[in-house]
C-alpha atoms as a PDB file:
ATOM      1  CA  MET A   1      -7.413  34.536 -72.749  1.00  0.00           C
ATOM      2  CA  ARG A   2      -7.644  36.953 -69.870  1.00  0.00           C
ATOM      3  CA  VAL A   3      -4.131  39.503 -69.477  1.00  0.00           C
ATOM      4  CA  PRO A   4      -4.031  40.813 -65.994  1.00  0.00           C
ATOM      5  CA  VAL A   5      -4.231  45.002 -65.227  1.00  0.00           C
ATOM      6  CA  ILE A   6      -3.271  47.570 -62.279  1.00  0.00           C
ATOM      7  CA  ARG A   7      -5.713  49.194 -60.287  1.00  0.00           C
ATOM      8  CA  LEU A   8      -5.678  51.002 -57.918  1.00  0.00           C
ATOM      9  CA  SER A   9      -8.726  49.216 -55.532  1.00  0.00           C
ATOM     10  CA  TRP A  10     -10.010  51.834 -52.673  1.00  0.00           C
ATOM     11  CA  THR A  11     -10.295  49.312 -49.649  1.00  0.00           C
ATOM     12  CA  GLN A  12     -10.236  50.304 -45.399  1.00  0.00           C
ATOM     13  CA  PRO A  13      -7.078  51.829 -43.264  1.00  0.00           C
ATOM     14  CA  ASP A  14      -5.959  48.584 -41.925  1.00  0.00           C
ATOM     15  CA  GLU A  15      -6.456  46.302 -45.106  1.00  0.00           C
ATOM     16  CA  PHE A  16      -4.585  49.728 -46.573  1.00  0.00           C
ATOM     17  CA  VAL A  17      -1.043  48.688 -44.181  1.00  0.00           C
ATOM     18  CA  GLY A  18      -1.536  45.435 -44.388  1.00  0.00           C
ATOM     19  CA  SER A  19      -1.370  45.484 -48.203  1.00  0.00           C
ATOM     20  CA  TRP A  20       1.519  47.965 -48.626  1.00  0.00           C
ATOM     21  CA  SER A  21       3.572  47.458 -45.389  1.00  0.00           C
ATOM     22  CA  GLU A  22       4.676  43.816 -47.251  1.00  0.00           C
ATOM     23  CA  PHE A  23       6.531  46.363 -50.191  1.00  0.00           C
ATOM     24  CA  TYR A  24       8.555  47.725 -47.326  1.00  0.00           C
ATOM     25  CA  GLU A  25      12.083  46.687 -47.598  1.00  0.00           C
ATOM     26  CA  ASP A  26      14.990  48.197 -45.997  1.00  0.00           C
ATOM     27  CA  PRO A  27      18.364  45.820 -44.982  1.00  0.00           C
ATOM     28  CA  ARG A  28      19.238  48.537 -42.863  1.00  0.00           C
ATOM     29  CA  GLU A  29      16.177  47.540 -40.178  1.00  0.00           C
ATOM     30  CA  GLU A  30      17.623  46.451 -37.541  1.00  0.00           C
ATOM     31  CA  HIS A  31      19.985  49.769 -36.877  1.00  0.00           C
ATOM     32  CA  TYR A  32      16.312  51.467 -36.176  1.00  0.00           C
ATOM     33  CA  VAL A  33      14.914  48.347 -34.408  1.00  0.00           C
ATOM     34  CA  ASN A  34      17.240  47.480 -32.184  1.00  0.00           C
ATOM     35  CA  ASN A  35      18.171  51.770 -31.148  1.00  0.00           C
ATOM     36  CA  ILE A  36      14.611  53.120 -31.203  1.00  0.00           C
ATOM     37  CA  ASP A  37      12.793  53.574 -27.850  1.00  0.00           C
ATOM     38  CA  MET A  38      15.861  53.230 -25.583  1.00  0.00           C
ATOM     39  CA  PRO A  39      17.555  55.525 -23.507  1.00  0.00           C
ATOM     40  CA  LEU A  40      19.547  58.553 -26.069  1.00  0.00           C
ATOM     41  CA  THR A  41      22.805  57.680 -25.905  1.00  0.00           C
ATOM     42  CA  PRO A  42      25.244  58.753 -28.320  1.00  0.00           C
ATOM     43  CA  GLU A  43      26.192  55.440 -29.867  1.00  0.00           C
ATOM     44  CA  ARG A  44      22.129  55.440 -30.790  1.00  0.00           C
ATOM     45  CA  VAL A  45      21.525  58.356 -31.868  1.00  0.00           C
ATOM     46  CA  ARG A  46      24.129  58.529 -34.125  1.00  0.00           C
ATOM     47  CA  ASN A  47      22.640  54.549 -35.329  1.00  0.00           C
ATOM     48  CA  LEU A  48      19.380  55.884 -35.800  1.00  0.00           C
ATOM     49  CA  TYR A  49      20.616  58.986 -38.053  1.00  0.00           C
ATOM     50  CA  LEU A  50      22.397  56.464 -39.777  1.00  0.00           C
ATOM     51  CA  TRP A  51      19.953  54.686 -40.404  1.00  0.00           C
ATOM     52  CA  LYS A  52      17.987  57.545 -41.436  1.00  0.00           C
ATOM     53  CA  SER A  53      20.300  58.754 -44.197  1.00  0.00           C
ATOM     54  CA  GLY A  54      20.340  55.845 -45.904  1.00  0.00           C
ATOM     55  CA  GLY A  55      23.721  53.905 -44.203  1.00  0.00           C
ATOM     56  CA  ARG A  56      25.896  57.243 -45.250  1.00  0.00           C
ATOM     57  CA  LEU A  57      26.204  59.839 -43.378  1.00  0.00           C
ATOM     58  CA  TRP A  58      28.529  63.043 -45.054  1.00  0.00           C
ATOM     59  CA  LYS A  59      30.878  65.248 -43.471  1.00  0.00           C
ATOM     60  CA  PRO A  60      29.024  67.585 -42.558  1.00  0.00           C
ATOM     61  CA  GLN A  61      25.826  65.636 -41.489  1.00  0.00           C
ATOM     62  CA  CYS A  62      28.415  64.399 -39.123  1.00  0.00           C
ATOM     63  CA  ARG A  63      29.790  67.485 -37.625  1.00  0.00           C
ATOM     64  CA  GLY A  64      26.147  69.001 -37.646  1.00  0.00           C
ATOM     65  CA  LEU A  65      24.466  65.779 -35.908  1.00  0.00           C
ATOM     66  CA  GLU A  66      27.331  65.672 -33.480  1.00  0.00           C
ATOM     67  CA  GLN A  67      26.844  69.910 -32.682  1.00  0.00           C
ATOM     68  CA  ASN A  68      23.037  69.615 -33.166  1.00  0.00           C
ATOM     69  CA  VAL A  69      21.603  66.185 -31.849  1.00  0.00           C
ATOM     70  CA  ILE A  70      24.313  65.219 -29.991  1.00  0.00           C
ATOM     71  CA  GLY A  71      25.989  67.640 -27.669  1.00  0.00           C
ATOM     72  CA  ARG A  72      22.060  68.606 -26.655  1.00  0.00           C
ATOM     73  CA  LEU A  73      21.108  65.318 -25.615  1.00  0.00           C
ATOM     74  CA  ARG A  74      21.437  66.137 -21.845  1.00  0.00           C
ATOM     75  CA  GLU A  75      19.099  68.521 -22.989  1.00  0.00           C
ATOM     76  CA  LEU A  76      16.465  66.265 -24.277  1.00  0.00           C
ATOM     77  CA  GLY A  77      16.364  64.673 -21.634  1.00  0.00           C
ATOM     78  CA  LYS A  78      15.065  67.265 -19.688  1.00  0.00           C
ATOM     79  CA  LEU A  79      12.100  68.414 -21.836  1.00  0.00           C
ATOM     80  CA  ASP A  80       9.087  67.849 -20.582  1.00  0.00           C
ATOM     81  CA  LYS A  81       7.222  65.547 -22.854  1.00  0.00           C
ATOM     82  CA  ASP A  82       4.564  67.397 -23.177  1.00  0.00           C
ATOM     83  CA  TYR A  83       6.963  69.830 -24.727  1.00  0.00           C
ATOM     84  CA  PRO A  84       4.637  71.483 -27.807  1.00  0.00           C
ATOM     85  CA  PRO A  85       5.862  69.521 -30.606  1.00  0.00           C
ATOM     86  CA  LEU A  86       6.833  73.657 -32.887  1.00  0.00           C
ATOM     87  CA  ASP A  87       8.388  74.605 -30.235  1.00  0.00           C
ATOM     88  CA  PHE A  88      10.654  71.416 -30.287  1.00  0.00           C
ATOM     89  CA  LEU A  89      11.157  72.693 -33.779  1.00  0.00           C
ATOM     90  CA  LEU A  90      11.881  75.852 -32.779  1.00  0.00           C
ATOM     91  CA  ARG A  91      14.095  75.601 -30.038  1.00  0.00           C
ATOM     92  CA  PHE A  92      15.851  72.402 -31.623  1.00  0.00           C
ATOM     93  CA  ALA A  93      16.393  75.362 -34.942  1.00  0.00           C
ATOM     94  CA  ARG A  94      19.588  73.554 -36.343  1.00  0.00           C
ATOM     95  CA  GLY A  95      19.425  71.316 -39.599  1.00  0.00           C
ATOM     96  CA  GLY A  96      17.452  70.198 -41.826  1.00  0.00           C
ATOM     97  CA  MET A  97      13.617  69.630 -41.336  1.00  0.00           C
ATOM     98  CA  ILE A  98      13.261  66.206 -41.840  1.00  0.00           C
ATOM     99  CA  TRP A  99      16.784  65.573 -39.582  1.00  0.00           C
ATOM    100  CA  ARG A 100      14.574  67.885 -36.621  1.00  0.00           C
ATOM    101  CA  ILE A 101      11.545  65.829 -37.516  1.00  0.00           C
ATOM    102  CA  PHE A 102      13.176  62.663 -36.841  1.00  0.00           C
ATOM    103  CA  LEU A 103      14.892  63.669 -33.325  1.00  0.00           C
ATOM    104  CA  LEU A 104      11.031  64.728 -32.782  1.00  0.00           C
ATOM    105  CA  HIS A 105      10.144  61.324 -33.550  1.00  0.00           C
ATOM    106  CA  ILE A 106      13.780  59.213 -31.838  1.00  0.00           C
ATOM    107  CA  TRP A 107      12.959  61.380 -28.760  1.00  0.00           C
ATOM    108  CA  GLN A 108       9.085  59.696 -28.490  1.00  0.00           C
ATOM    109  CA  SER A 109       8.481  57.611 -31.151  1.00  0.00           C
ATOM    110  CA  ARG A 110       4.804  56.472 -30.185  1.00  0.00           C
ATOM    111  CA  LYS A 111       3.407  60.533 -30.343  1.00  0.00           C
ATOM    112  CA  TYR A 112       5.566  61.529 -33.268  1.00  0.00           C
ATOM    113  CA  PRO A 113       5.777  59.484 -36.448  1.00  0.00           C
ATOM    114  CA  ILE A 114       8.662  59.503 -38.959  1.00  0.00           C
ATOM    115  CA  TYR A 115       7.937  61.570 -41.639  1.00  0.00           C
ATOM    116  CA  ASP A 116       9.578  62.100 -45.629  1.00  0.00           C
ATOM    117  CA  GLN A 117       9.083  62.764 -48.529  1.00  0.00           C
ATOM    118  CA  HIS A 118       7.478  59.540 -49.428  1.00  0.00           C
ATOM    119  CA  THR A 119       5.095  59.290 -46.661  1.00  0.00           C
ATOM    120  CA  TYR A 120       4.258  63.041 -47.346  1.00  0.00           C
ATOM    121  CA  ARG A 121       3.036  62.348 -50.814  1.00  0.00           C
ATOM    122  CA  ALA A 122       1.118  59.070 -49.768  1.00  0.00           C
ATOM    123  CA  MET A 123      -0.943  61.316 -47.333  1.00  0.00           C
ATOM    124  CA  ARG A 124      -1.848  64.195 -49.712  1.00  0.00           C
ATOM    125  CA  PHE A 125      -2.762  61.139 -52.579  1.00  0.00           C
ATOM    126  CA  LEU A 126      -5.078  60.282 -49.751  1.00  0.00           C
ATOM    127  CA  GLN A 127      -6.456  63.148 -49.093  1.00  0.00           C
ATOM    128  CA  HIS A 128      -6.641  64.614 -52.187  1.00  0.00           C
ATOM    129  CA  LEU A 129      -6.022  62.380 -55.262  1.00  0.00           C
ATOM    130  CA  GLN A 130      -3.255  64.138 -56.161  1.00  0.00           C
ATOM    131  CA  VAL A 131       0.908  63.331 -56.219  1.00  0.00           C
ATOM    132  CA  GLU A 132       2.181  66.155 -54.716  1.00  0.00           C
ATOM    133  CA  GLU A 133       5.616  66.619 -53.568  1.00  0.00           C
ATOM    134  CA  ILE A 134       6.745  67.870 -50.006  1.00  0.00           C
ATOM    135  CA  PRO A 135       7.016  71.934 -50.032  1.00  0.00           C
ATOM    136  CA  SER A 136      10.723  73.095 -49.882  1.00  0.00           C
ATOM    137  CA  ASN A 137      10.234  75.908 -47.250  1.00  0.00           C
ATOM    138  CA  PRO A 138      11.200  74.576 -43.886  1.00  0.00           C
ATOM    139  CA  ARG A 139       8.027  76.485 -42.032  1.00  0.00           C
ATOM    140  CA  LEU A 140       5.550  74.551 -44.133  1.00  0.00           C
ATOM    141  CA  ILE A 141       6.945  71.662 -43.358  1.00  0.00           C
ATOM    142  CA  ALA A 142       6.850  71.982 -40.065  1.00  0.00           C
ATOM    143  CA  GLN A 143       3.763  72.883 -39.909  1.00  0.00           C
ATOM    144  CA  THR A 144       2.565  70.329 -42.445  1.00  0.00           C
ATOM    145  CA  TYR A 145       3.938  67.702 -40.442  1.00  0.00           C
ATOM    146  CA  VAL A 146       2.152  68.625 -36.817  1.00  0.00           C
ATOM    147  CA  ASN A 147      -0.855  70.338 -38.448  1.00  0.00           C
ATOM    148  CA  ASP A 148      -1.521  68.067 -41.135  1.00  0.00           C
ATOM    149  CA  TYR A 149       0.370  64.791 -40.739  1.00  0.00           C
ATOM    150  CA  ILE A 150       0.147  63.577 -36.986  1.00  0.00           C
ATOM    151  CA  PRO A 151      -3.603  63.634 -37.576  1.00  0.00           C
ATOM    152  CA  PHE A 152      -3.785  61.781 -40.801  1.00  0.00           C
ATOM    153  CA  PHE A 153      -1.535  58.887 -39.108  1.00  0.00           C
ATOM    154  CA  ASN A 154      -3.216  58.746 -36.377  1.00  0.00           C
ATOM    155  CA  ARG A 155      -6.493  57.892 -37.971  1.00  0.00           C
ATOM    156  CA  PHE A 156      -5.056  54.694 -39.317  1.00  0.00           C
ATOM    157  CA  PRO A 157      -5.386  51.576 -36.899  1.00  0.00           C
ATOM    158  CA  ARG A 158      -2.714  51.402 -34.135  1.00  0.00           C
ATOM    159  CA  MET A 159      -0.284  48.482 -34.127  1.00  0.00           C
ATOM    160  CA  PRO A 160       2.719  46.641 -32.411  1.00  0.00           C
ATOM    161  CA  ASP A 161       5.003  47.962 -34.864  1.00  0.00           C
ATOM    162  CA  ARG A 162       5.284  50.133 -37.505  1.00  0.00           C
ATOM    163  CA  ARG A 163       3.589  49.337 -40.206  1.00  0.00           C
ATOM    164  CA  VAL A 164       1.729  52.495 -40.694  1.00  0.00           C
ATOM    165  CA  ASP A 165       4.902  53.855 -41.551  1.00  0.00           C
ATOM    166  CA  LYS A 166       6.183  51.315 -43.594  1.00  0.00           C
ATOM    167  CA  ALA A 167       2.565  51.090 -45.886  1.00  0.00           C
ATOM    168  CA  LEU A 168       2.370  55.317 -45.177  1.00  0.00           C
ATOM    169  CA  PHE A 169       6.597  55.201 -47.021  1.00  0.00           C
ATOM    170  CA  ALA A 170       5.823  52.260 -49.946  1.00  0.00           C
ATOM    171  CA  PHE A 171       2.933  53.889 -50.991  1.00  0.00           C
ATOM    172  CA  GLY A 172       4.361  57.429 -51.376  1.00  0.00           C
ATOM    173  CA  LYS A 173       7.526  55.839 -53.115  1.00  0.00           C
ATOM    174  CA  PHE A 174       5.255  53.925 -55.447  1.00  0.00           C
ATOM    175  CA  LEU A 175       3.103  56.924 -56.192  1.00  0.00           C
ATOM    176  CA  LYS A 176       6.979  58.355 -56.977  1.00  0.00           C
ATOM    177  CA  THR A 177       7.925  55.883 -59.551  1.00  0.00           C
ATOM    178  CA  PRO A 178       6.413  56.225 -63.743  1.00  0.00           C
ATOM    179  CA  LEU A 179       4.033  53.508 -63.282  1.00  0.00           C
ATOM    180  CA  GLY A 180       2.699  55.035 -60.242  1.00  0.00           C
ATOM    181  CA  GLN A 181       2.185  58.319 -61.403  1.00  0.00           C
ATOM    182  CA  ARG A 182       0.268  55.870 -64.206  1.00  0.00           C
ATOM    183  CA  ILE A 183      -1.998  54.366 -62.147  1.00  0.00           C
ATOM    184  CA  ALA A 184      -2.656  57.484 -60.055  1.00  0.00           C
ATOM    185  CA  THR A 185      -3.334  59.279 -62.674  1.00  0.00           C
ATOM    186  CA  ALA A 186      -5.326  57.194 -64.211  1.00  0.00           C
ATOM    187  CA  ASP A 187      -7.578  55.753 -61.411  1.00  0.00           C
ATOM    188  CA  GLY A 188      -7.286  58.689 -58.822  1.00  0.00           C
ATOM    189  CA  ARG A 189      -9.957  59.604 -59.383  1.00  0.00           C
ATOM    190  CA  GLN A 190     -12.176  56.485 -58.588  1.00  0.00           C
ATOM    191  CA  GLY A 191     -11.288  56.601 -54.995  1.00  0.00           C
ATOM    192  CA  SER A 192     -13.565  59.807 -54.285  1.00  0.00           C
END
């Protein structure tokens, strides 16, 4: 009798993306798709942040979004597209760093990928074969995003949709599960 086991199998980036992006699920995906890469109106920005927040915005988040993002859309529209990302994150210095990085993404989605705890975890595992959580220091989050994550992300093949982001998100989320942690610990060393 033969029985299955689960192990990591190491492959090329395009196969990783094709495989792991299939595990990505988000019933609210249309909130992102219907609003990204469009002129940034208050309604579109609210929809994108609602999507990013998982479908719920708390009152303090709503106030912060109105003050720190919606109230500054005109300023955002006047920025030169080559404005340095770390300067951008300092210029829009209110709110959590992940939300500020998301603003950078919605400003130029093809240049600045989405970043969060799951994509960070995926990156660190693929780089160092260790499950590592995103730092809590906002400055370190920003520096890691600009200096590590963007170059890491850009090593994946360009695709017409956001499958790379979906794959990294799904893989990083998997690494957070007990099964993912066991497999990563047992099989991670084989990837080197």
